[in-house]
Amino acid sequence: MRKKRIVFFASLLLFTIFLKFCFAGITTENPLSIGQTLSSPNGVYELGFFSPNNSQNLYVGIWFKDITPRTVVWVANRESPVTDPTARLTISSNGSLLL
C-alpha cells in the first residue's frame, strides 16, 4: 500500500510539473495530435502519444527526451489505451485535459 502511494504521488508530481509547460502548447484551438510532442523547458522530458512494442494501442505519456530506448516515466491512460489514429489531446474550456 505504501509503495502504491509513493508511485501515485511521484506520478502526480511529474504530471503537475509537466502541466506547467503543457498549457503553453496545448489549447482548445491547438490540440496535440499523434506524431506531435511537447518538450519540457529544460529539454529533459517530452509529452506525446506512444505505442509500446509496435502495438495498435496508443498512450499519452511523458518520457525522457534524449534516452534511447524510450524510457517512459508517466502514462495518462494506462488502463484505457486509444486505438483511433486521429486521437488528440486537448484542453476543455474549463481546463480539463481531454483525450
N, C-alpha and C. Protein backbone atom coordinates (compact mmCIF):
# COMPACT_ATOMS: atom_id res chain seq x y z
N MET A 1 0.82 -1.20 0.00
CA MET A 1 0.00 0.00 0.00
C MET A 1 0.86 1.25 0.00
N ARG A 2 1.91 1.25 0.82
CA ARG A 2 2.80 2.41 0.91
C ARG A 2 3.50 2.64 -0.43
N LYS A 3 3.88 1.56 -1.08
CA LYS A 3 4.56 1.67 -2.37
C LYS A 3 3.63 2.29 -3.42
N LYS A 4 2.36 1.91 -3.40
CA LYS A 4 1.39 2.47 -4.34
C LYS A 4 1.22 3.97 -4.11
N ARG A 5 1.21 4.39 -2.85
CA ARG A 5 1.08 5.82 -2.55
C ARG A 5 2.29 6.59 -3.06
N ILE A 6 3.47 6.03 -2.87
CA ILE A 6 4.69 6.70 -3.34
C ILE A 6 4.65 6.84 -4.85
N VAL A 7 4.28 5.76 -5.55
CA VAL A 7 4.20 5.81 -7.01
C VAL A 7 3.15 6.83 -7.44
N PHE A 8 2.01 6.83 -6.77
CA PHE A 8 0.95 7.77 -7.12
C PHE A 8 1.42 9.21 -6.96
N PHE A 9 2.01 9.53 -5.81
CA PHE A 9 2.44 10.91 -5.57
C PHE A 9 3.60 11.31 -6.47
N ALA A 10 4.49 10.38 -6.78
CA ALA A 10 5.57 10.68 -7.72
C ALA A 10 5.00 10.97 -9.10
N SER A 11 4.02 10.18 -9.52
CA SER A 11 3.38 10.40 -10.81
C SER A 11 2.64 11.73 -10.83
N LEU A 12 1.94 12.02 -9.76
CA LEU A 12 1.22 13.29 -9.66
C LEU A 12 2.18 14.47 -9.72
N LEU A 13 3.31 14.36 -9.04
CA LEU A 13 4.30 15.42 -9.07
C LEU A 13 4.85 15.63 -10.48
N LEU A 14 5.21 14.55 -11.15
CA LEU A 14 5.71 14.67 -12.53
C LEU A 14 4.66 15.29 -13.43
N PHE A 15 3.42 14.84 -13.29
CA PHE A 15 2.35 15.37 -14.12
C PHE A 15 2.14 16.85 -13.86
N THR A 16 2.15 17.26 -12.61
CA THR A 16 1.96 18.66 -12.25
C THR A 16 3.07 19.53 -12.81
N ILE A 17 4.30 19.06 -12.69
CA ILE A 17 5.44 19.81 -13.24
C ILE A 17 5.30 19.92 -14.75
N PHE A 18 4.92 18.83 -15.38
CA PHE A 18 4.81 18.84 -16.83
C PHE A 18 3.67 19.73 -17.31
N LEU A 19 2.57 19.77 -16.56
CA LEU A 19 1.44 20.62 -16.96
C LEU A 19 1.83 22.09 -17.03
N LYS A 20 2.80 22.47 -16.24
CA LYS A 20 3.24 23.87 -16.22
C LYS A 20 3.58 24.36 -17.62
N PHE A 21 4.23 23.51 -18.41
CA PHE A 21 4.58 23.96 -19.75
C PHE A 21 3.69 23.38 -20.83
N CYS A 22 2.88 22.39 -20.50
CA CYS A 22 1.94 21.85 -21.49
C CYS A 22 0.90 22.88 -21.88
N PHE A 23 0.42 23.64 -20.91
CA PHE A 23 -0.62 24.60 -21.20
C PHE A 23 -0.16 25.67 -22.18
N ALA A 24 1.14 25.87 -22.29
CA ALA A 24 1.66 26.83 -23.25
C ALA A 24 1.53 26.29 -24.67
N GLY A 25 1.42 24.98 -24.82
CA GLY A 25 1.39 24.40 -26.16
C GLY A 25 0.09 23.73 -26.53
N ILE A 26 -0.72 23.34 -25.58
CA ILE A 26 -1.99 22.68 -25.86
C ILE A 26 -3.11 23.61 -25.43
N THR A 27 -3.99 23.91 -26.36
CA THR A 27 -5.15 24.74 -26.06
C THR A 27 -6.38 24.12 -26.71
N THR A 28 -7.53 24.72 -26.50
CA THR A 28 -8.73 24.21 -27.15
C THR A 28 -8.62 24.34 -28.66
N GLU A 29 -7.89 25.34 -29.12
CA GLU A 29 -7.72 25.54 -30.56
C GLU A 29 -6.47 24.84 -31.11
N ASN A 30 -5.58 24.41 -30.23
CA ASN A 30 -4.31 23.82 -30.65
C ASN A 30 -4.06 22.50 -29.90
N PRO A 31 -4.78 21.42 -30.29
CA PRO A 31 -4.59 20.14 -29.60
C PRO A 31 -3.28 19.47 -30.01
N LEU A 32 -2.88 18.48 -29.24
CA LEU A 32 -1.70 17.69 -29.55
C LEU A 32 -2.17 16.44 -30.28
N SER A 33 -1.67 16.24 -31.49
CA SER A 33 -2.05 15.09 -32.30
C SER A 33 -0.97 14.02 -32.25
N ILE A 34 -1.33 12.84 -32.71
CA ILE A 34 -0.36 11.75 -32.78
C ILE A 34 0.78 12.18 -33.70
N GLY A 35 2.00 11.95 -33.26
CA GLY A 35 3.18 12.36 -34.01
C GLY A 35 3.75 13.69 -33.54
N GLN A 36 2.98 14.45 -32.78
CA GLN A 36 3.45 15.70 -32.22
C GLN A 36 3.87 15.48 -30.77
N THR A 37 4.83 16.26 -30.31
CA THR A 37 5.26 16.19 -28.92
C THR A 37 5.49 17.59 -28.38
N LEU A 38 5.51 17.69 -27.08
CA LEU A 38 5.90 18.91 -26.38
C LEU A 38 7.10 18.58 -25.51
N SER A 39 8.08 19.46 -25.51
CA SER A 39 9.27 19.26 -24.69
C SER A 39 9.25 20.16 -23.48
N SER A 40 9.83 19.68 -22.40
CA SER A 40 9.94 20.50 -21.19
C SER A 40 10.89 21.66 -21.46
N PRO A 41 10.78 22.73 -20.70
CA PRO A 41 11.65 23.90 -20.92
C PRO A 41 13.14 23.57 -20.88
N ASN A 42 13.52 22.60 -20.05
CA ASN A 42 14.94 22.25 -19.97
C ASN A 42 15.32 21.14 -20.94
N GLY A 43 14.36 20.66 -21.73
CA GLY A 43 14.64 19.67 -22.75
C GLY A 43 14.85 18.25 -22.25
N VAL A 44 14.53 18.00 -20.99
CA VAL A 44 14.75 16.66 -20.42
C VAL A 44 13.57 15.73 -20.72
N TYR A 45 12.35 16.25 -20.66
CA TYR A 45 11.16 15.42 -20.83
C TYR A 45 10.40 15.79 -22.10
N GLU A 46 9.60 14.84 -22.54
CA GLU A 46 8.77 15.05 -23.72
C GLU A 46 7.40 14.41 -23.45
N LEU A 47 6.34 15.07 -23.91
CA LEU A 47 4.98 14.57 -23.78
C LEU A 47 4.46 14.26 -25.16
N GLY A 48 3.75 13.16 -25.29
CA GLY A 48 3.16 12.83 -26.57
C GLY A 48 2.47 11.49 -26.53
N PHE A 49 2.03 11.06 -27.71
CA PHE A 49 1.44 9.74 -27.85
C PHE A 49 2.56 8.75 -28.16
N PHE A 50 2.43 7.54 -27.63
CA PHE A 50 3.40 6.50 -27.98
C PHE A 50 2.68 5.16 -28.03
N SER A 51 3.29 4.23 -28.75
CA SER A 51 2.74 2.90 -28.91
C SER A 51 3.83 1.89 -28.55
N PRO A 52 3.72 1.23 -27.40
CA PRO A 52 4.77 0.30 -27.00
C PRO A 52 4.80 -0.96 -27.86
N ASN A 53 6.00 -1.40 -28.16
CA ASN A 53 6.20 -2.65 -28.90
C ASN A 53 5.40 -2.71 -30.20
N ASN A 54 5.27 -1.59 -30.88
CA ASN A 54 4.57 -1.51 -32.17
C ASN A 54 3.14 -2.06 -32.11
N SER A 55 2.48 -1.91 -30.97
CA SER A 55 1.09 -2.37 -30.85
C SER A 55 0.16 -1.34 -31.49
N GLN A 56 -1.10 -1.70 -31.60
CA GLN A 56 -2.12 -0.78 -32.11
C GLN A 56 -2.57 0.20 -31.04
N ASN A 57 -2.23 -0.08 -29.79
CA ASN A 57 -2.66 0.77 -28.68
C ASN A 57 -1.79 2.02 -28.57
N LEU A 58 -2.45 3.14 -28.34
CA LEU A 58 -1.77 4.42 -28.17
C LEU A 58 -1.98 4.93 -26.76
N TYR A 59 -0.93 5.49 -26.21
CA TYR A 59 -0.97 6.02 -24.85
C TYR A 59 -0.42 7.45 -24.87
N VAL A 60 -0.89 8.26 -23.94
CA VAL A 60 -0.32 9.59 -23.72
C VAL A 60 0.65 9.43 -22.57
N GLY A 61 1.87 9.87 -22.77
CA GLY A 61 2.86 9.69 -21.73
C GLY A 61 3.94 10.75 -21.72
N ILE A 62 4.75 10.68 -20.70
CA ILE A 62 5.93 11.53 -20.56
C ILE A 62 7.13 10.60 -20.51
N TRP A 63 8.16 10.93 -21.27
CA TRP A 63 9.37 10.13 -21.29
C TRP A 63 10.58 11.04 -21.33
N PHE A 64 11.75 10.43 -21.05
CA PHE A 64 13.00 11.18 -21.17
C PHE A 64 13.25 11.42 -22.65
N LYS A 65 13.51 12.64 -23.02
CA LYS A 65 13.61 13.01 -24.43
C LYS A 65 14.82 12.40 -25.13
N ASP A 66 15.97 12.40 -24.48
CA ASP A 66 17.20 12.00 -25.17
C ASP A 66 17.74 10.65 -24.73
N ILE A 67 16.91 9.79 -24.18
CA ILE A 67 17.37 8.47 -23.76
C ILE A 67 16.79 7.43 -24.71
N THR A 68 17.67 6.59 -25.24
CA THR A 68 17.26 5.50 -26.12
C THR A 68 17.65 4.19 -25.47
N PRO A 69 16.77 3.20 -25.41
CA PRO A 69 15.39 3.23 -25.88
C PRO A 69 14.53 4.13 -25.00
N ARG A 70 13.37 4.50 -25.54
CA ARG A 70 12.47 5.41 -24.82
C ARG A 70 12.19 4.90 -23.41
N THR A 71 12.35 5.80 -22.45
CA THR A 71 12.10 5.47 -21.05
C THR A 71 10.91 6.29 -20.58
N VAL A 72 9.75 5.65 -20.55
CA VAL A 72 8.51 6.32 -20.16
C VAL A 72 8.46 6.44 -18.64
N VAL A 73 8.14 7.64 -18.16
CA VAL A 73 8.09 7.87 -16.71
C VAL A 73 6.66 8.08 -16.20
N TRP A 74 5.71 8.32 -17.10
CA TRP A 74 4.33 8.53 -16.68
C TRP A 74 3.40 8.23 -17.86
N VAL A 75 2.28 7.57 -17.59
CA VAL A 75 1.29 7.26 -18.62
C VAL A 75 -0.08 7.72 -18.13
N ALA A 76 -0.77 8.49 -18.96
CA ALA A 76 -2.07 9.04 -18.57
C ALA A 76 -3.18 8.02 -18.66
N ASN A 77 -3.21 7.25 -19.71
CA ASN A 77 -4.33 6.36 -19.99
C ASN A 77 -3.89 4.89 -19.98
N ARG A 78 -3.13 4.53 -19.00
CA ARG A 78 -2.58 3.16 -18.90
C ARG A 78 -3.67 2.09 -18.98
N GLU A 79 -4.80 2.32 -18.35
CA GLU A 79 -5.88 1.33 -18.32
C GLU A 79 -6.84 1.45 -19.51
N SER A 80 -6.73 2.54 -20.27
CA SER A 80 -7.66 2.77 -21.39
C SER A 80 -6.90 3.24 -22.62
N PRO A 81 -6.19 2.35 -23.30
CA PRO A 81 -5.45 2.77 -24.48
C PRO A 81 -6.38 3.25 -25.59
N VAL A 82 -5.86 4.11 -26.43
CA VAL A 82 -6.59 4.65 -27.57
C VAL A 82 -6.18 3.86 -28.80
N THR A 83 -7.13 3.56 -29.68
CA THR A 83 -6.80 2.88 -30.93
C THR A 83 -7.11 3.73 -32.16
N ASP A 84 -7.73 4.87 -31.95
CA ASP A 84 -8.09 5.77 -33.05
C ASP A 84 -6.87 6.58 -33.48
N PRO A 85 -6.40 6.42 -34.72
CA PRO A 85 -5.21 7.16 -35.16
C PRO A 85 -5.43 8.66 -35.32
N THR A 86 -6.67 9.11 -35.16
CA THR A 86 -6.94 10.56 -35.24
C THR A 86 -7.13 11.17 -33.85
N ALA A 87 -6.80 10.42 -32.81
CA ALA A 87 -6.96 10.91 -31.43
C ALA A 87 -6.13 12.17 -31.21
N ARG A 88 -6.63 13.03 -30.33
CA ARG A 88 -5.93 14.27 -29.99
C ARG A 88 -6.05 14.54 -28.50
N LEU A 89 -5.05 15.20 -27.95
CA LEU A 89 -5.06 15.63 -26.56
C LEU A 89 -5.32 17.13 -26.57
N THR A 90 -6.36 17.55 -25.86
CA THR A 90 -6.73 18.95 -25.86
C THR A 90 -7.14 19.37 -24.45
N ILE A 91 -7.41 20.63 -24.30
CA ILE A 91 -7.85 21.18 -23.02
C ILE A 91 -9.24 21.75 -23.21
N SER A 92 -10.15 21.38 -22.32
CA SER A 92 -11.52 21.87 -22.42
C SER A 92 -11.58 23.33 -21.95
N SER A 93 -12.73 23.93 -22.15
CA SER A 93 -12.90 25.33 -21.75
C SER A 93 -12.79 25.52 -20.24
N ASN A 94 -13.02 24.44 -19.46
CA ASN A 94 -12.89 24.57 -18.00
C ASN A 94 -11.51 24.14 -17.49
N GLY A 95 -10.60 23.81 -18.42
CA GLY A 95 -9.22 23.50 -18.04
C GLY A 95 -8.89 22.03 -17.88
N SER A 96 -9.84 21.15 -18.15
CA SER A 96 -9.59 19.71 -18.04
C SER A 96 -8.90 19.19 -19.30
N LEU A 97 -8.00 18.22 -19.11
CA LEU A 97 -7.39 17.56 -20.26
C LEU A 97 -8.38 16.56 -20.83
N LEU A 98 -8.51 16.54 -22.15
CA LEU A 98 -9.42 15.63 -22.83
C LEU A 98 -8.65 14.81 -23.85
N LEU A 99 -8.95 13.54 -23.90
CA LEU A 99 -8.32 12.65 -24.87
C LEU A 99 -9.38 12.10 -25.77
